[in-house]
Amino acid sequence: MKKIKAATIVEILAASAIIVTVFTIASLSLNNVFKGVVKGNDSEFQNRLKELTYLTKHQKIAVPYYEDNEQWDIAIEKQEGVFILEAVHKPSKKETQRLIHETIR
């Protein structure tokens, strides 16, 4: 009979530890990526701005208009014949501004 070489318990434990470490690092990295995507998702806010733009153009809301929620302060005011929509992100103090031209009826 021929003797078959086999891996020792120490080699198996070392290989298992390396594999577990690699998978742990990979899962933490993916978790950070997905968390960043979810945190940076502002599609709901962008849809709200589009809705307010539409309502302003078609004179469905009274101007000046102010809206306050947990993340954003939104204001619509009329200056020099043009509506200005301003939104301020509360946590970062980042400001977004849009000009809204009136629809002629």
PDB file of N, CA and C in Angstrom:
ATOM      1  N   MET A   1       0.819  -1.179   0.000  1.00  0.00           N
ATOM      2  CA  MET A   1       0.000   0.000   0.000  1.00  0.00           C
ATOM      3  C   MET A   1       0.862   1.242   0.000  1.00  0.00           C
ATOM      4  N   LYS A   2       0.382   2.200  -0.763  1.00  0.00           N
ATOM      5  CA  LYS A   2       1.065   3.481  -0.845  1.00  0.00           C
ATOM      6  C   LYS A   2       0.555   4.413   0.239  1.00  0.00           C
ATOM      7  N   LYS A   3       1.439   5.197   0.801  1.00  0.00           N
ATOM      8  CA  LYS A   3       1.049   6.142   1.836  1.00  0.00           C
ATOM      9  C   LYS A   3       0.565   7.435   1.158  1.00  0.00           C
ATOM     10  N   ILE A   4      -0.615   7.927   1.539  1.00  0.00           N
ATOM     11  CA  ILE A   4      -1.179   9.150   0.970  1.00  0.00           C
ATOM     12  C   ILE A   4      -0.880  10.286   1.941  1.00  0.00           C
ATOM     13  N   LYS A   5      -0.348  11.382   1.357  1.00  0.00           N
ATOM     14  CA  LYS A   5      -0.064  12.553   2.195  1.00  0.00           C
ATOM     15  C   LYS A   5      -1.361  13.309   2.446  1.00  0.00           C
ATOM     16  N   ALA A   6      -1.567  13.723   3.638  1.00  0.00           N
ATOM     17  CA  ALA A   6      -2.772  14.454   4.002  1.00  0.00           C
ATOM     18  C   ALA A   6      -2.381  15.746   4.718  1.00  0.00           C
ATOM     19  N   ALA A   7      -3.317  16.684   4.720  1.00  0.00           N
ATOM     20  CA  ALA A   7      -3.062  17.952   5.387  1.00  0.00           C
ATOM     21  C   ALA A   7      -3.216  17.768   6.891  1.00  0.00           C
ATOM     22  N   THR A   8      -2.419  18.494   7.613  1.00  0.00           N
ATOM     23  CA  THR A   8      -2.519  18.402   9.067  1.00  0.00           C
ATOM     24  C   THR A   8      -3.622  19.326   9.560  1.00  0.00           C
ATOM     25  N   ILE A   9      -4.015  19.115  10.782  1.00  0.00           N
ATOM     26  CA  ILE A   9      -5.055  19.938  11.408  1.00  0.00           C
ATOM     27  C   ILE A   9      -4.626  21.389  11.434  1.00  0.00           C
ATOM     28  N   VAL A  10      -3.366  21.688  11.689  1.00  0.00           N
ATOM     29  CA  VAL A  10      -2.870  23.059  11.751  1.00  0.00           C
ATOM     30  C   VAL A  10      -3.008  23.737  10.393  1.00  0.00           C
ATOM     31  N   GLU A  11      -2.700  23.021   9.328  1.00  0.00           N
ATOM     32  CA  GLU A  11      -2.837  23.594   7.983  1.00  0.00           C
ATOM     33  C   GLU A  11      -4.299  23.885   7.658  1.00  0.00           C
ATOM     34  N   ILE A  12      -5.181  22.990   8.053  1.00  0.00           N
ATOM     35  CA  ILE A  12      -6.607  23.198   7.800  1.00  0.00           C
ATOM     36  C   ILE A  12      -7.118  24.399   8.588  1.00  0.00           C
ATOM     37  N   LEU A  13      -6.720  24.528   9.845  1.00  0.00           N
ATOM     38  CA  LEU A  13      -7.145  25.674  10.655  1.00  0.00           C
ATOM     39  C   LEU A  13      -6.611  26.988  10.093  1.00  0.00           C
ATOM     40  N   ALA A  14      -5.373  26.994   9.634  1.00  0.00           N
ATOM     41  CA  ALA A  14      -4.790  28.214   9.062  1.00  0.00           C
ATOM     42  C   ALA A  14      -5.532  28.612   7.791  1.00  0.00           C
ATOM     43  N   ALA A  15      -5.809  27.649   6.930  1.00  0.00           N
ATOM     44  CA  ALA A  15      -6.536  27.939   5.697  1.00  0.00           C
ATOM     45  C   ALA A  15      -7.952  28.433   6.005  1.00  0.00           C
ATOM     46  N   SER A  16      -8.603  27.816   6.972  1.00  0.00           N
ATOM     47  CA  SER A  16      -9.950  28.250   7.351  1.00  0.00           C
ATOM     48  C   SER A  16      -9.938  29.671   7.905  1.00  0.00           C
ATOM     49  N   ALA A  17      -8.943  29.988   8.718  1.00  0.00           N
ATOM     50  CA  ALA A  17      -8.837  31.345   9.276  1.00  0.00           C
ATOM     51  C   ALA A  17      -8.634  32.374   8.178  1.00  0.00           C
ATOM     52  N   ILE A  18      -7.814  32.053   7.189  1.00  0.00           N
ATOM     53  CA  ILE A  18      -7.587  32.977   6.066  1.00  0.00           C
ATOM     54  C   ILE A  18      -8.872  33.179   5.275  1.00  0.00           C
ATOM     55  N   ILE A  19      -9.589  32.115   4.997  1.00  0.00           N
ATOM     56  CA  ILE A  19     -10.836  32.220   4.232  1.00  0.00           C
ATOM     57  C   ILE A  19     -11.875  33.036   5.000  1.00  0.00           C
ATOM     58  N   VAL A  20     -12.007  32.796   6.291  1.00  0.00           N
ATOM     59  CA  VAL A  20     -12.961  33.553   7.104  1.00  0.00           C
ATOM     60  C   VAL A  20     -12.589  35.033   7.123  1.00  0.00           C
ATOM     61  N   THR A  21     -11.315  35.345   7.235  1.00  0.00           N
ATOM     62  CA  THR A  21     -10.852  36.741   7.237  1.00  0.00           C
ATOM     63  C   THR A  21     -11.171  37.429   5.916  1.00  0.00           C
ATOM     64  N   VAL A  22     -10.914  36.750   4.808  1.00  0.00           N
ATOM     65  CA  VAL A  22     -11.201  37.336   3.493  1.00  0.00           C
ATOM     66  C   VAL A  22     -12.699  37.590   3.331  1.00  0.00           C
ATOM     67  N   PHE A  23     -13.527  36.638   3.696  1.00  0.00           N
ATOM     68  CA  PHE A  23     -14.972  36.823   3.579  1.00  0.00           C
ATOM     69  C   PHE A  23     -15.487  37.917   4.510  1.00  0.00           C
ATOM     70  N   THR A  24     -14.913  38.045   5.682  1.00  0.00           N
ATOM     71  CA  THR A  24     -15.317  39.105   6.606  1.00  0.00           C
ATOM     72  C   THR A  24     -14.995  40.482   6.031  1.00  0.00           C
ATOM     73  N   ILE A  25     -13.788  40.637   5.508  1.00  0.00           N
ATOM     74  CA  ILE A  25     -13.397  41.915   4.902  1.00  0.00           C
ATOM     75  C   ILE A  25     -14.277  42.233   3.707  1.00  0.00           C
ATOM     76  N   ALA A  26     -14.572  41.234   2.888  1.00  0.00           N
ATOM     77  CA  ALA A  26     -15.425  41.456   1.716  1.00  0.00           C
ATOM     78  C   ALA A  26     -16.837  41.859   2.129  1.00  0.00           C
ATOM     79  N   SER A  27     -17.395  41.203   3.128  1.00  0.00           N
ATOM     80  CA  SER A  27     -18.759  41.539   3.541  1.00  0.00           C
ATOM     81  C   SER A  27     -18.828  42.931   4.166  1.00  0.00           C
ATOM     82  N   LEU A  28     -17.821  43.324   4.945  1.00  0.00           N
ATOM     83  CA  LEU A  28     -17.806  44.674   5.515  1.00  0.00           C
ATOM     84  C   LEU A  28     -17.667  45.735   4.429  1.00  0.00           C
ATOM     85  N   SER A  29     -16.868  45.450   3.423  1.00  0.00           N
ATOM     86  CA  SER A  29     -16.713  46.394   2.312  1.00  0.00           C
ATOM     87  C   SER A  29     -18.020  46.559   1.551  1.00  0.00           C
ATOM     88  N   LEU A  30     -18.690  45.463   1.247  1.00  0.00           N
ATOM     89  CA  LEU A  30     -19.972  45.543   0.554  1.00  0.00           C
ATOM     90  C   LEU A  30     -21.020  46.257   1.400  1.00  0.00           C
ATOM     91  N   ASN A  31     -21.000  46.039   2.692  1.00  0.00           N
ATOM     92  CA  ASN A  31     -21.928  46.717   3.587  1.00  0.00           C
ATOM     93  C   ASN A  31     -21.728  48.233   3.525  1.00  0.00           C
ATOM     94  N   ASN A  32     -20.487  48.681   3.529  1.00  0.00           N
ATOM     95  CA  ASN A  32     -20.199  50.122   3.438  1.00  0.00           C
ATOM     96  C   ASN A  32     -20.648  50.695   2.104  1.00  0.00           C
ATOM     97  N   VAL A  33     -20.444  49.948   1.026  1.00  0.00           N
ATOM     98  CA  VAL A  33     -20.872  50.418  -0.293  1.00  0.00           C
ATOM     99  C   VAL A  33     -22.387  50.574  -0.328  1.00  0.00           C
ATOM    100  N   PHE A  34     -23.115  49.564   0.122  1.00  0.00           N
ATOM    101  CA  PHE A  34     -24.572  49.638   0.106  1.00  0.00           C
ATOM    102  C   PHE A  34     -25.108  50.713   1.037  1.00  0.00           C
ATOM    103  N   LYS A  35     -24.468  50.912   2.168  1.00  0.00           N
ATOM    104  CA  LYS A  35     -24.889  51.961   3.084  1.00  0.00           C
ATOM    105  C   LYS A  35     -24.716  53.338   2.438  1.00  0.00           C
ATOM    106  N   GLY A  36     -23.622  53.522   1.706  1.00  0.00           N
ATOM    107  CA  GLY A  36     -23.396  54.789   1.014  1.00  0.00           C
ATOM    108  C   GLY A  36     -24.415  55.040  -0.080  1.00  0.00           C
ATOM    109  N   VAL A  37     -24.802  53.992  -0.786  1.00  0.00           N
ATOM    110  CA  VAL A  37     -25.804  54.130  -1.840  1.00  0.00           C
ATOM    111  C   VAL A  37     -27.155  54.509  -1.249  1.00  0.00           C
ATOM    112  N   VAL A  38     -27.534  53.860  -0.174  1.00  0.00           N
ATOM    113  CA  VAL A  38     -28.820  54.155   0.458  1.00  0.00           C
ATOM    114  C   VAL A  38     -28.815  55.559   1.054  1.00  0.00           C
ATOM    115  N   LYS A  39     -27.716  55.935   1.681  1.00  0.00           N
ATOM    116  CA  LYS A  39     -27.633  57.257   2.301  1.00  0.00           C
ATOM    117  C   LYS A  39     -27.650  58.369   1.256  1.00  0.00           C
ATOM    118  N   GLY A  40     -27.048  58.132   0.110  1.00  0.00           N
ATOM    119  CA  GLY A  40     -26.988  59.152  -0.936  1.00  0.00           C
ATOM    120  C   GLY A  40     -28.184  59.172  -1.862  1.00  0.00           C
ATOM    121  N   ASN A  41     -29.159  58.325  -1.616  1.00  0.00           N
ATOM    122  CA  ASN A  41     -30.326  58.250  -2.475  1.00  0.00           C
ATOM    123  C   ASN A  41     -31.268  59.405  -2.156  1.00  0.00           C
ATOM    124  N   ASP A  42     -31.349  60.355  -3.062  1.00  0.00           N
ATOM    125  CA  ASP A  42     -32.228  61.506  -2.852  1.00  0.00           C
ATOM    126  C   ASP A  42     -33.320  61.575  -3.914  1.00  0.00           C
ATOM    127  N   SER A  43     -33.699  60.429  -4.459  1.00  0.00           N
ATOM    128  CA  SER A  43     -34.707  60.423  -5.521  1.00  0.00           C
ATOM    129  C   SER A  43     -36.071  60.903  -5.009  1.00  0.00           C
ATOM    130  N   GLU A  44     -36.410  60.589  -3.771  1.00  0.00           N
ATOM    131  CA  GLU A  44     -37.680  61.048  -3.215  1.00  0.00           C
ATOM    132  C   GLU A  44     -37.704  62.579  -3.129  1.00  0.00           C
ATOM    133  N   PHE A  45     -36.578  63.162  -2.717  1.00  0.00           N
ATOM    134  CA  PHE A  45     -36.475  64.620  -2.640  1.00  0.00           C
ATOM    135  C   PHE A  45     -36.551  65.237  -4.038  1.00  0.00           C
ATOM    136  N   GLN A  46     -35.859  64.651  -5.009  1.00  0.00           N
ATOM    137  CA  GLN A  46     -35.885  65.173  -6.381  1.00  0.00           C
ATOM    138  C   GLN A  46     -37.302  65.106  -6.953  1.00  0.00           C
ATOM    139  N   ASN A  47     -38.025  64.039  -6.659  1.00  0.00           N
ATOM    140  CA  ASN A  47     -39.418  63.935  -7.112  1.00  0.00           C
ATOM    141  C   ASN A  47     -40.283  65.007  -6.473  1.00  0.00           C
ATOM    142  N   ARG A  48     -40.028  65.307  -5.200  1.00  0.00           N
ATOM    143  CA  ARG A  48     -40.798  66.361  -4.527  1.00  0.00           C
ATOM    144  C   ARG A  48     -40.532  67.716  -5.177  1.00  0.00           C
ATOM    145  N   LEU A  49     -39.269  67.978  -5.533  1.00  0.00           N
ATOM    146  CA  LEU A  49     -38.949  69.244  -6.200  1.00  0.00           C
ATOM    147  C   LEU A  49     -39.630  69.334  -7.562  1.00  0.00           C
ATOM    148  N   LYS A  50     -39.681  68.232  -8.294  1.00  0.00           N
ATOM    149  CA  LYS A  50     -40.364  68.226  -9.597  1.00  0.00           C
ATOM    150  C   LYS A  50     -41.860  68.470  -9.415  1.00  0.00           C
ATOM    151  N   GLU A  51     -42.431  67.874  -8.379  1.00  0.00           N
ATOM    152  CA  GLU A  51     -43.844  68.069  -8.099  1.00  0.00           C
ATOM    153  C   GLU A  51     -44.131  69.531  -7.755  1.00  0.00           C
ATOM    154  N   LEU A  52     -43.299  70.128  -6.912  1.00  0.00           N
ATOM    155  CA  LEU A  52     -43.488  71.537  -6.553  1.00  0.00           C
ATOM    156  C   LEU A  52     -43.289  72.444  -7.757  1.00  0.00           C
ATOM    157  N   THR A  53     -42.351  72.110  -8.625  1.00  0.00           N
ATOM    158  CA  THR A  53     -42.134  72.893  -9.853  1.00  0.00           C
ATOM    159  C   THR A  53     -43.383  72.858 -10.718  1.00  0.00           C
ATOM    160  N   TYR A  54     -43.945  71.669 -10.901  1.00  0.00           N
ATOM    161  CA  TYR A  54     -45.168  71.524 -11.698  1.00  0.00           C
ATOM    162  C   TYR A  54     -46.313  72.326 -11.088  1.00  0.00           C
ATOM    163  N   LEU A  55     -46.509  72.180  -9.778  1.00  0.00           N
ATOM    164  CA  LEU A  55     -47.607  72.892  -9.115  1.00  0.00           C
ATOM    165  C   LEU A  55     -47.436  74.402  -9.204  1.00  0.00           C
ATOM    166  N   THR A  56     -46.209  74.867  -9.131  1.00  0.00           N
ATOM    167  CA  THR A  56     -45.953  76.308  -9.229  1.00  0.00           C
ATOM    168  C   THR A  56     -46.225  76.810 -10.639  1.00  0.00           C
ATOM    169  N   LYS A  57     -45.753  76.070 -11.639  1.00  0.00           N
ATOM    170  CA  LYS A  57     -45.959  76.483 -13.034  1.00  0.00           C
ATOM    171  C   LYS A  57     -47.437  76.567 -13.378  1.00  0.00           C
ATOM    172  N   HIS A  58     -48.240  75.673 -12.816  1.00  0.00           N
ATOM    173  CA  HIS A  58     -49.658  75.634 -13.137  1.00  0.00           C
ATOM    174  C   HIS A  58     -50.522  76.316 -12.074  1.00  0.00           C
ATOM    175  N   GLN A  59     -49.883  77.123 -11.239  1.00  0.00           N
ATOM    176  CA  GLN A  59     -50.546  77.954 -10.246  1.00  0.00           C
ATOM    177  C   GLN A  59     -51.498  77.156  -9.350  1.00  0.00           C
ATOM    178  N   LYS A  60     -51.040  76.011  -8.888  1.00  0.00           N
ATOM    179  CA  LYS A  60     -51.834  75.157  -8.007  1.00  0.00           C
ATOM    180  C   LYS A  60     -51.482  75.350  -6.534  1.00  0.00           C
ATOM    181  N   ILE A  61     -50.400  76.076  -6.237  1.00  0.00           N
ATOM    182  CA  ILE A  61     -50.052  76.387  -4.855  1.00  0.00           C
ATOM    183  C   ILE A  61     -49.855  77.885  -4.719  1.00  0.00           C
ATOM    184  N   ALA A  62     -50.108  78.379  -3.532  1.00  0.00           N
ATOM    185  CA  ALA A  62     -49.950  79.812  -3.276  1.00  0.00           C
ATOM    186  C   ALA A  62     -48.474  80.122  -3.022  1.00  0.00           C
ATOM    187  N   VAL A  63     -48.009  81.169  -3.682  1.00  0.00           N
ATOM    188  CA  VAL A  63     -46.620  81.596  -3.520  1.00  0.00           C
ATOM    189  C   VAL A  63     -46.638  82.884  -2.733  1.00  0.00           C
ATOM    190  N   PRO A  64     -45.842  83.078  -1.725  1.00  0.00           N
ATOM    191  CA  PRO A  64     -44.702  82.281  -1.288  1.00  0.00           C
ATOM    192  C   PRO A  64     -45.141  80.990  -0.609  1.00  0.00           C
ATOM    193  N   TYR A  65     -44.338  79.947  -0.812  1.00  0.00           N
ATOM    194  CA  TYR A  65     -44.625  78.620  -0.281  1.00  0.00           C
ATOM    195  C   TYR A  65     -43.429  78.163   0.544  1.00  0.00           C
ATOM    196  N   TYR A  66     -43.702  77.615   1.716  1.00  0.00           N
ATOM    197  CA  TYR A  66     -42.631  77.118   2.586  1.00  0.00           C
ATOM    198  C   TYR A  66     -42.984  75.709   3.059  1.00  0.00           C
ATOM    199  N   GLU A  67     -41.984  74.852   3.045  1.00  0.00           N
ATOM    200  CA  GLU A  67     -42.166  73.474   3.493  1.00  0.00           C
ATOM    201  C   GLU A  67     -40.952  73.081   4.329  1.00  0.00           C
ATOM    202  N   ASP A  68     -41.227  72.398   5.417  1.00  0.00           N
ATOM    203  CA  ASP A  68     -40.157  71.998   6.329  1.00  0.00           C
ATOM    204  C   ASP A  68     -40.339  70.530   6.686  1.00  0.00           C
ATOM    205  N   ASN A  69     -39.310  69.714   6.452  1.00  0.00           N
ATOM    206  CA  ASN A  69     -39.351  68.330   6.926  1.00  0.00           C
ATOM    207  C   ASN A  69     -38.047  68.036   7.658  1.00  0.00           C
ATOM    208  N   GLU A  70     -37.834  66.783   8.046  1.00  0.00           N
ATOM    209  CA  GLU A  70     -36.673  66.492   8.893  1.00  0.00           C
ATOM    210  C   GLU A  70     -35.335  66.682   8.192  1.00  0.00           C
ATOM    211  N   GLN A  71     -35.298  66.607   6.865  1.00  0.00           N
ATOM    212  CA  GLN A  71     -34.029  66.722   6.140  1.00  0.00           C
ATOM    213  C   GLN A  71     -33.881  68.039   5.379  1.00  0.00           C
ATOM    214  N   TRP A  72     -34.987  68.612   4.901  1.00  0.00           N
ATOM    215  CA  TRP A  72     -34.912  69.751   3.981  1.00  0.00           C
ATOM    216  C   TRP A  72     -35.832  70.881   4.399  1.00  0.00           C
ATOM    217  N   ASP A  73     -35.393  72.106   4.127  1.00  0.00           N
ATOM    218  CA  ASP A  73     -36.239  73.297   4.182  1.00  0.00           C
ATOM    219  C   ASP A  73     -36.424  73.748   2.737  1.00  0.00           C
ATOM    220  N   ILE A  74     -37.667  73.857   2.289  1.00  0.00           N
ATOM    221  CA  ILE A  74     -37.955  74.226   0.903  1.00  0.00           C
ATOM    222  C   ILE A  74     -38.768  75.512   0.911  1.00  0.00           C
ATOM    223  N   ALA A  75     -38.382  76.449   0.037  1.00  0.00           N
ATOM    224  CA  ALA A  75     -39.105  77.714  -0.083  1.00  0.00           C
ATOM    225  C   ALA A  75     -39.248  78.067  -1.558  1.00  0.00           C
ATOM    226  N   ILE A  76     -40.432  78.578  -1.930  1.00  0.00           N
ATOM    227  CA  ILE A  76     -40.664  79.076  -3.284  1.00  0.00           C
ATOM    228  C   ILE A  76     -41.123  80.513  -3.152  1.00  0.00           C
ATOM    229  N   GLU A  77     -40.415  81.407  -3.827  1.00  0.00           N
ATOM    230  CA  GLU A  77     -40.745  82.830  -3.791  1.00  0.00           C
ATOM    231  C   GLU A  77     -40.697  83.391  -5.202  1.00  0.00           C
ATOM    232  N   LYS A  78     -41.416  84.480  -5.413  1.00  0.00           N
ATOM    233  CA  LYS A  78     -41.425  85.127  -6.724  1.00  0.00           C
ATOM    234  C   LYS A  78     -40.576  86.389  -6.645  1.00  0.00           C
ATOM    235  N   GLN A  79     -39.594  86.467  -7.545  1.00  0.00           N
ATOM    236  CA  GLN A  79     -38.723  87.637  -7.612  1.00  0.00           C
ATOM    237  C   GLN A  79     -38.547  88.028  -9.072  1.00  0.00           C
ATOM    238  N   GLU A  80     -38.874  89.250  -9.387  1.00  0.00           N
ATOM    239  CA  GLU A  80     -38.708  89.804 -10.731  1.00  0.00           C
ATOM    240  C   GLU A  80     -39.383  88.957 -11.803  1.00  0.00           C
ATOM    241  N   GLY A  81     -40.593  88.498 -11.538  1.00  0.00           N
ATOM    242  CA  GLY A  81     -41.364  87.741 -12.513  1.00  0.00           C
ATOM    243  C   GLY A  81     -40.972  86.287 -12.673  1.00  0.00           C
ATOM    244  N   VAL A  82     -40.039  85.815 -11.874  1.00  0.00           N
ATOM    245  CA  VAL A  82     -39.586  84.427 -11.954  1.00  0.00           C
ATOM    246  C   VAL A  82     -39.713  83.803 -10.578  1.00  0.00           C
ATOM    247  N   PHE A  83     -40.174  82.574 -10.551  1.00  0.00           N
ATOM    248  CA  PHE A  83     -40.251  81.848  -9.291  1.00  0.00           C
ATOM    249  C   PHE A  83     -38.886  81.235  -8.991  1.00  0.00           C
ATOM    250  N   ILE A  84     -38.468  81.341  -7.746  1.00  0.00           N
ATOM    251  CA  ILE A  84     -37.193  80.758  -7.304  1.00  0.00           C
ATOM    252  C   ILE A  84     -37.502  79.721  -6.236  1.00  0.00           C
ATOM    253  N   LEU A  85     -37.070  78.497  -6.504  1.00  0.00           N
ATOM    254  CA  LEU A  85     -37.225  77.404  -5.549  1.00  0.00           C
ATOM    255  C   LEU A  85     -35.875  77.193  -4.875  1.00  0.00           C
ATOM    256  N   GLU A  86     -35.859  77.313  -3.567  1.00  0.00           N
ATOM    257  CA  GLU A  86     -34.634  77.113  -2.796  1.00  0.00           C
ATOM    258  C   GLU A  86     -34.860  75.983  -1.797  1.00  0.00           C
ATOM    259  N   ALA A  87     -33.892  75.083  -1.714  1.00  0.00           N
ATOM    260  CA  ALA A  87     -33.955  73.988  -0.754  1.00  0.00           C
ATOM    261  C   ALA A  87     -32.624  73.910  -0.020  1.00  0.00           C
ATOM    262  N   VAL A  88     -32.686  73.790   1.291  1.00  0.00           N
ATOM    263  CA  VAL A  88     -31.489  73.695   2.128  1.00  0.00           C
ATOM    264  C   VAL A  88     -31.516  72.365   2.870  1.00  0.00           C
ATOM    265  N   HIS A  89     -30.448  71.588   2.694  1.00  0.00           N
ATOM    266  CA  HIS A  89     -30.315  70.318   3.404  1.00  0.00           C
ATOM    267  C   HIS A  89     -29.851  70.634   4.816  1.00  0.00           C
ATOM    268  N   LYS A  90     -30.659  70.278   5.804  1.00  0.00           N
ATOM    269  CA  LYS A  90     -30.382  70.672   7.191  1.00  0.00           C
ATOM    270  C   LYS A  90     -29.065  70.115   7.737  1.00  0.00           C
ATOM    271  N   PRO A  91     -28.795  68.818   7.596  1.00  0.00           N
ATOM    272  CA  PRO A  91     -27.548  68.306   8.199  1.00  0.00           C
ATOM    273  C   PRO A  91     -26.276  68.888   7.591  1.00  0.00           C
ATOM    274  N   SER A  92     -26.244  69.065   6.269  1.00  0.00           N
ATOM    275  CA  SER A  92     -25.003  69.514   5.631  1.00  0.00           C
ATOM    276  C   SER A  92     -25.013  70.996   5.265  1.00  0.00           C
ATOM    277  N   LYS A  93     -26.159  71.663   5.397  1.00  0.00           N
ATOM    278  CA  LYS A  93     -26.323  73.077   5.033  1.00  0.00           C
ATOM    279  C   LYS A  93     -26.093  73.318   3.536  1.00  0.00           C
ATOM    280  N   LYS A  94     -26.209  72.254   2.729  1.00  0.00           N
ATOM    281  CA  LYS A  94     -26.065  72.376   1.279  1.00  0.00           C
ATOM    282  C   LYS A  94     -27.328  72.993   0.702  1.00  0.00           C
ATOM    283  N   GLU A  95     -27.149  73.954  -0.212  1.00  0.00           N
ATOM    284  CA  GLU A  95     -28.282  74.683  -0.764  1.00  0.00           C
ATOM    285  C   GLU A  95     -28.464  74.360  -2.242  1.00  0.00           C
ATOM    286  N   THR A  96     -29.724  74.137  -2.631  1.00  0.00           N
ATOM    287  CA  THR A  96     -30.088  73.892  -4.024  1.00  0.00           C
ATOM    288  C   THR A  96     -31.044  74.993  -4.441  1.00  0.00           C
ATOM    289  N   GLN A  97     -30.832  75.519  -5.655  1.00  0.00           N
ATOM    290  CA  GLN A  97     -31.681  76.605  -6.133  1.00  0.00           C
ATOM    291  C   GLN A  97     -32.093  76.337  -7.571  1.00  0.00           C
ATOM    292  N   ARG A  98     -33.377  76.578  -7.875  1.00  0.00           N
ATOM    293  CA  ARG A  98     -33.907  76.403  -9.229  1.00  0.00           C
ATOM    294  C   ARG A  98     -34.745  77.601  -9.605  1.00  0.00           C
ATOM    295  N   LEU A  99     -34.687  77.956 -10.885  1.00  0.00           N
ATOM    296  CA  LEU A  99     -35.554  78.991 -11.406  1.00  0.00           C
ATOM    297  C   LEU A  99     -36.724  78.313 -12.089  1.00  0.00           C
ATOM    298  N   ILE A 100     -37.922  78.805 -11.804  1.00  0.00           N
ATOM    299  CA  ILE A 100     -39.136  78.247 -12.397  1.00  0.00           C
ATOM    300  C   ILE A 100     -39.800  79.352 -13.203  1.00  0.00           C
ATOM    301  N   HIS A 101     -39.920  79.159 -14.505  1.00  0.00           N
ATOM    302  CA  HIS A 101     -40.571  80.143 -15.349  1.00  0.00           C
ATOM    303  C   HIS A 101     -42.067  79.879 -15.373  1.00  0.00           C
ATOM    304  N   GLU A 102     -42.831  80.940 -15.308  1.00  0.00           N
ATOM    305  CA  GLU A 102     -44.281  80.834 -15.248  1.00  0.00           C
ATOM    306  C   GLU A 102     -44.832  80.343 -16.583  1.00  0.00           C
ATOM    307  N   THR A 103     -45.859  79.486 -16.529  1.00  0.00           N
ATOM    308  CA  THR A 103     -46.532  79.025 -17.721  1.00  0.00           C
ATOM    309  C   THR A 103     -47.514  80.113 -18.157  1.00  0.00           C
ATOM    310  N   ILE A 104     -47.477  80.474 -19.433  1.00  0.00           N
ATOM    311  CA  ILE A 104     -48.359  81.523 -19.959  1.00  0.00           C
ATOM    312  C   ILE A 104     -49.697  80.897 -20.302  1.00  0.00           C
ATOM    313  N   ARG A 105     -50.785  81.510 -19.779  1.00  0.00           N
ATOM    314  CA  ARG A 105     -52.133  80.994 -20.050  1.00  0.00           C
ATOM    315  C   ARG A 105     -52.902  81.948 -20.882  1.00  0.00           C
TER     316      ARG A 105
END
